[in-house]
Amino acid sequence: MKLTGAPNFRDLGGYTTADGQIVKTGRVFRSDHLGHLEPADLQHIAQRVGEQVRVLDLRGVAEREYAACAIPNAIVHSLPIEPTIVQKLQDLLEAGADLTAPDVEALMHDTYRGFVRGNTPRFAQLFGHLLDAHDAPVVFHCTAGKDRTGFAAALLLHALGVSNEVIMRDYLLTNERLAGRLHPGLFPPVVGKVLWGVQEDFLHAAFEAVQEDFGNLDNYLRDGIGLRDAGRQQLHAMYLQPLAR
């Protein structure tokens, strides 16, 4: 079911791992912002997720003020990562720049590299909350649930042992979820078409920064995120289960 007020809300459960396990359903969700949920959306969340929900909000300060979490009794943790690309694009357009799709794509690549080189402590905090021994399911999100959330989901799925192919498939699913959800008038169409979607190259830009700075994703999880062997084992225990025979 797609929520009307948060079409990119989805369970990360159901993905299989290389060692024959499966991500538990109903435990961890990724989403776009939760500020415009409709009554039917809230009913679905209560039925699917439960009455107690932990929300990890990756939005910046102004974004949070624009649309506060609408889930009743949710425990919200703010892990702010400011959306700098929006301001950069606005500044360029106001300066008279004639932006092309490759220009916007290059800025998106910079944004994703910035997740690694400027925002790793925030993603480390997210993993800290994921490892919190708490019975309540977790929903992590940003505004559109595509970039900050997409990188976080990729890190989590990799840490759980999900294949790169499946991780990319989950990442690109955003394009289906947000189809037709462009924000007309905010940016010229050539800008908006790139900005409001995701591309493989965006996530690869973050992975390339990881490769350059840490060697590989496992090193990044250990040395950047702080997910040591014991933490990774705990993560597996909390969010994985054996495949049914």
Protein backbone atom coordinates (compact mmCIF):
# COMPACT_ATOMS: atom_id res chain seq x y z
CA MET A 1 0.00 0.00 0.00
CA LYS A 2 1.26 3.47 -0.89
CA LEU A 3 0.50 6.19 1.63
CA THR A 4 -1.17 9.24 0.12
CA GLY A 5 0.73 11.71 2.28
CA ALA A 6 4.05 9.84 2.19
CA PRO A 7 4.27 7.83 -1.05
CA ASN A 8 7.89 6.83 -0.42
CA PHE A 9 7.06 5.15 2.91
CA ARG A 10 8.09 1.48 2.74
CA ASP A 11 9.18 -1.47 4.81
CA LEU A 12 12.81 -2.50 4.34
CA GLY A 13 11.84 -6.01 5.40
CA GLY A 14 11.78 -8.95 3.01
CA TYR A 15 15.19 -8.56 1.41
CA THR A 16 17.35 -11.67 1.56
CA THR A 17 21.03 -11.76 2.50
CA ALA A 18 24.01 -13.65 1.14
CA ASP A 19 24.10 -15.95 4.18
CA GLY A 20 20.53 -17.15 3.80
CA GLN A 21 18.67 -14.80 6.10
CA ILE A 22 15.93 -12.24 5.49
CA VAL A 23 15.37 -8.72 6.81
CA LYS A 24 12.50 -8.80 9.29
CA THR A 25 9.31 -7.08 8.24
CA GLY A 26 7.65 -4.50 10.44
CA ARG A 27 10.88 -3.45 12.15
CA VAL A 28 12.54 -0.74 10.06
CA PHE A 29 11.01 1.56 7.46
CA ARG A 30 12.28 4.28 5.16
CA SER A 31 10.12 7.21 4.12
CA ASP A 32 9.65 10.72 2.88
CA HIS A 33 8.52 13.24 5.49
CA LEU A 34 5.61 12.39 7.75
CA GLY A 35 4.05 15.83 8.06
CA HIS A 36 1.20 15.48 5.54
CA LEU A 37 -0.19 12.09 6.52
CA GLU A 38 -3.91 11.64 6.00
CA PRO A 39 -6.24 9.76 8.39
CA ALA A 40 -6.09 6.61 6.23
CA ASP A 41 -2.29 6.83 6.25
CA LEU A 42 -2.22 7.04 10.03
CA GLN A 43 -4.55 4.07 10.29
CA HIS A 44 -2.31 2.04 7.99
CA ILE A 45 0.79 2.95 10.01
CA ALA A 46 -0.94 1.99 13.25
CA GLN A 47 -1.91 -1.37 11.78
CA ARG A 48 1.39 -2.09 10.01
CA VAL A 49 3.93 -0.46 12.31
CA GLY A 50 2.12 -0.28 15.63
CA GLU A 51 1.19 2.38 18.14
CA GLN A 52 4.78 2.98 19.31
CA VAL A 53 7.07 4.34 16.60
CA ARG A 54 10.59 5.72 16.75
CA VAL A 55 11.23 8.32 14.04
CA LEU A 56 14.73 9.33 12.94
CA ASP A 57 14.38 12.64 11.10
CA LEU A 58 17.29 13.55 8.81
CA ARG A 59 15.78 16.85 7.67
CA GLY A 60 17.29 20.25 8.29
CA VAL A 61 15.88 22.76 10.75
CA ALA A 62 13.58 24.68 8.38
CA GLU A 63 12.31 21.47 6.80
CA ARG A 64 11.23 20.14 10.20
CA GLU A 65 9.41 23.38 11.00
CA TYR A 66 7.55 23.22 7.70
CA ALA A 67 6.04 19.77 8.35
CA ALA A 68 6.30 18.24 11.81
CA CYS A 69 5.76 14.51 12.24
CA ALA A 70 2.02 13.76 12.26
CA ILE A 71 2.20 10.29 13.84
CA PRO A 72 0.60 10.47 17.30
CA ASN A 73 2.90 9.56 20.18
CA ALA A 74 5.89 9.05 17.90
CA ILE A 75 9.28 9.41 19.56
CA VAL A 76 11.13 11.72 17.17
CA HIS A 77 14.92 12.06 17.12
CA SER A 78 16.32 14.90 15.03
CA LEU A 79 19.52 14.09 13.11
CA PRO A 80 19.70 17.18 10.91
CA ILE A 81 21.47 17.17 7.56
CA GLU A 82 20.80 20.45 5.81
CA PRO A 83 19.69 20.24 2.13
CA THR A 84 22.46 22.43 0.75
CA ILE A 85 21.81 21.61 -2.90
CA VAL A 86 18.49 23.47 -2.90
CA GLN A 87 20.19 26.69 -1.79
CA LYS A 88 23.03 26.20 -4.29
CA LEU A 89 20.56 25.80 -7.13
CA GLN A 90 18.56 28.84 -6.05
CA ASP A 91 21.73 30.93 -5.81
CA LEU A 92 22.86 29.86 -9.29
CA LEU A 93 19.49 30.59 -10.85
CA GLU A 94 19.27 33.98 -9.15
CA ALA A 95 22.74 34.76 -10.51
CA GLY A 96 21.44 34.09 -14.03
CA ALA A 97 23.00 30.67 -14.59
CA ASP A 98 21.51 28.68 -17.46
CA LEU A 99 21.60 25.30 -15.76
CA THR A 100 21.62 22.07 -17.74
CA ALA A 101 20.83 18.54 -16.56
CA PRO A 102 24.56 17.65 -16.34
CA ASP A 103 25.11 20.74 -14.15
CA VAL A 104 22.45 19.57 -11.70
CA GLU A 105 23.75 15.99 -11.80
CA ALA A 106 27.23 17.24 -10.89
CA LEU A 107 25.79 19.09 -7.89
CA MET A 108 23.95 15.92 -6.85
CA HIS A 109 27.23 14.01 -7.02
CA ASP A 110 28.77 16.64 -4.71
CA THR A 111 25.82 16.26 -2.34
CA TYR A 112 26.31 12.51 -2.09
CA ARG A 113 30.05 12.84 -1.58
CA GLY A 114 29.17 15.31 1.17
CA PHE A 115 27.17 12.62 2.97
CA VAL A 116 30.45 10.78 3.49
CA ARG A 117 32.80 13.71 3.99
CA GLY A 118 30.56 16.06 5.94
CA ASN A 119 27.73 14.11 7.51
CA THR A 120 29.13 10.77 8.63
CA PRO A 121 28.52 11.66 12.34
CA ARG A 122 24.79 11.99 11.58
CA PHE A 123 24.65 8.58 9.95
CA ALA A 124 26.61 7.19 12.90
CA GLN A 125 23.90 8.59 15.18
CA LEU A 126 21.26 6.90 13.05
CA PHE A 127 22.98 3.54 13.52
CA GLY A 128 23.19 4.22 17.24
CA HIS A 129 19.41 4.58 17.34
CA LEU A 130 18.95 1.47 15.19
CA LEU A 131 21.01 -0.46 17.74
CA ASP A 132 19.01 0.86 20.68
CA ALA A 133 17.48 -2.21 22.32
CA HIS A 134 13.91 -0.98 22.04
CA ASP A 135 10.81 -2.86 20.97
CA ALA A 136 9.37 -0.01 18.91
CA PRO A 137 9.87 -0.13 15.12
CA VAL A 138 12.00 2.56 13.46
CA VAL A 139 11.12 4.90 10.60
CA PHE A 140 13.95 7.02 9.19
CA HIS A 141 13.27 9.75 6.68
CA CYS A 142 14.22 13.08 5.15
CA THR A 143 11.95 15.27 3.01
CA ALA A 144 11.51 13.22 -0.18
CA GLY A 145 13.04 10.05 1.27
CA LYS A 146 15.42 9.74 -1.65
CA ASP A 147 18.93 11.13 -0.99
CA ARG A 148 19.77 11.31 2.72
CA THR A 149 17.36 8.46 3.35
CA GLY A 150 18.56 6.57 0.27
CA PHE A 151 22.17 6.64 1.44
CA ALA A 152 21.15 5.60 4.97
CA ALA A 153 19.10 2.69 3.60
CA ALA A 154 22.00 1.57 1.42
CA LEU A 155 24.34 1.57 4.44
CA LEU A 156 21.89 -0.37 6.58
CA LEU A 157 21.14 -2.98 3.92
CA HIS A 158 24.85 -3.46 3.25
CA ALA A 159 25.52 -3.86 6.96
CA LEU A 160 22.82 -6.54 7.05
CA GLY A 161 24.39 -8.43 4.15
CA VAL A 162 21.99 -7.55 1.33
CA SER A 163 23.55 -7.68 -2.16
CA ASN A 164 24.62 -4.55 -4.04
CA GLU A 165 22.13 -5.36 -6.80
CA VAL A 166 19.20 -5.43 -4.37
CA ILE A 167 20.45 -2.31 -2.59
CA MET A 168 20.46 -0.41 -5.88
CA ARG A 169 17.02 -1.75 -6.75
CA ASP A 170 15.66 -0.47 -3.44
CA TYR A 171 17.34 2.89 -4.01
CA LEU A 172 15.89 3.31 -7.51
CA LEU A 173 12.40 2.31 -6.36
CA THR A 174 12.08 5.93 -5.24
CA ASN A 175 11.59 6.94 -8.89
CA GLU A 176 8.45 4.80 -9.07
CA ARG A 177 7.18 5.96 -5.70
CA LEU A 178 7.62 9.65 -6.49
CA ALA A 179 6.56 9.52 -10.14
CA GLY A 180 4.43 12.55 -10.91
CA ARG A 181 5.40 14.21 -7.65
CA LEU A 182 7.54 16.97 -9.16
CA HIS A 183 7.15 20.40 -7.62
CA PRO A 184 6.18 22.59 -10.58
CA GLY A 185 7.33 26.17 -10.46
CA LEU A 186 9.96 25.74 -7.74
CA PHE A 187 12.69 25.10 -10.31
CA PRO A 188 12.83 25.03 -14.13
CA PRO A 189 11.79 21.61 -15.51
CA VAL A 190 15.34 20.71 -16.55
CA VAL A 191 16.45 21.21 -12.94
CA GLY A 192 13.43 19.62 -11.29
CA LYS A 193 13.59 16.48 -13.39
CA VAL A 194 17.04 15.70 -12.00
CA LEU A 195 16.50 17.06 -8.50
CA TRP A 196 13.28 15.16 -7.72
CA GLY A 197 14.56 11.76 -8.82
CA VAL A 198 17.47 9.43 -8.15
CA GLN A 199 20.12 7.98 -10.44
CA GLU A 200 22.59 5.15 -9.98
CA ASP A 201 25.44 7.61 -10.42
CA PHE A 202 24.31 9.61 -7.38
CA LEU A 203 24.69 6.67 -5.00
CA HIS A 204 27.88 5.61 -6.78
CA ALA A 205 29.33 9.08 -6.06
CA ALA A 206 28.92 8.42 -2.32
CA PHE A 207 30.42 4.94 -2.68
CA GLU A 208 33.38 6.41 -4.59
CA ALA A 209 34.01 8.85 -1.73
CA VAL A 210 33.87 5.90 0.67
CA GLN A 211 36.35 4.00 -1.51
CA GLU A 212 38.73 6.95 -1.68
CA ASP A 213 38.60 7.78 2.03
CA PHE A 214 38.08 4.40 3.69
CA GLY A 215 38.92 1.71 1.14
CA ASN A 216 35.50 0.03 1.10
CA LEU A 217 32.04 0.13 2.70
CA ASP A 218 32.90 -2.32 5.46
CA ASN A 219 35.80 -0.13 6.55
CA TYR A 220 33.51 2.90 6.44
CA LEU A 221 30.92 1.19 8.61
CA ARG A 222 33.63 0.24 11.09
CA ASP A 223 35.84 3.33 11.12
CA GLY A 224 33.41 6.06 10.02
CA ILE A 225 30.08 4.89 11.40
CA GLY A 226 31.62 3.08 14.37
CA LEU A 227 29.84 -0.20 13.66
CA ARG A 228 32.30 -2.71 15.09
CA ASP A 229 31.92 -6.49 14.91
CA ALA A 230 29.82 -6.67 18.08
CA GLY A 231 27.53 -3.90 16.83
CA ARG A 232 27.11 -5.56 13.47
CA GLN A 233 26.24 -8.85 15.12
CA GLN A 234 23.69 -7.05 17.27
CA LEU A 235 22.23 -5.37 14.18
CA HIS A 236 21.86 -8.78 12.53
CA ALA A 237 20.19 -10.21 15.63
CA MET A 238 17.72 -7.33 15.76
CA TYR A 239 16.77 -7.06 12.09
CA LEU A 240 17.42 -10.46 10.47
CA GLN A 241 15.77 -13.84 10.75
CA PRO A 242 16.37 -17.21 9.03
CA LEU A 243 14.60 -17.87 5.76
CA ALA A 244 11.61 -20.15 6.18
CA ARG A 245 12.30 -23.66 4.89
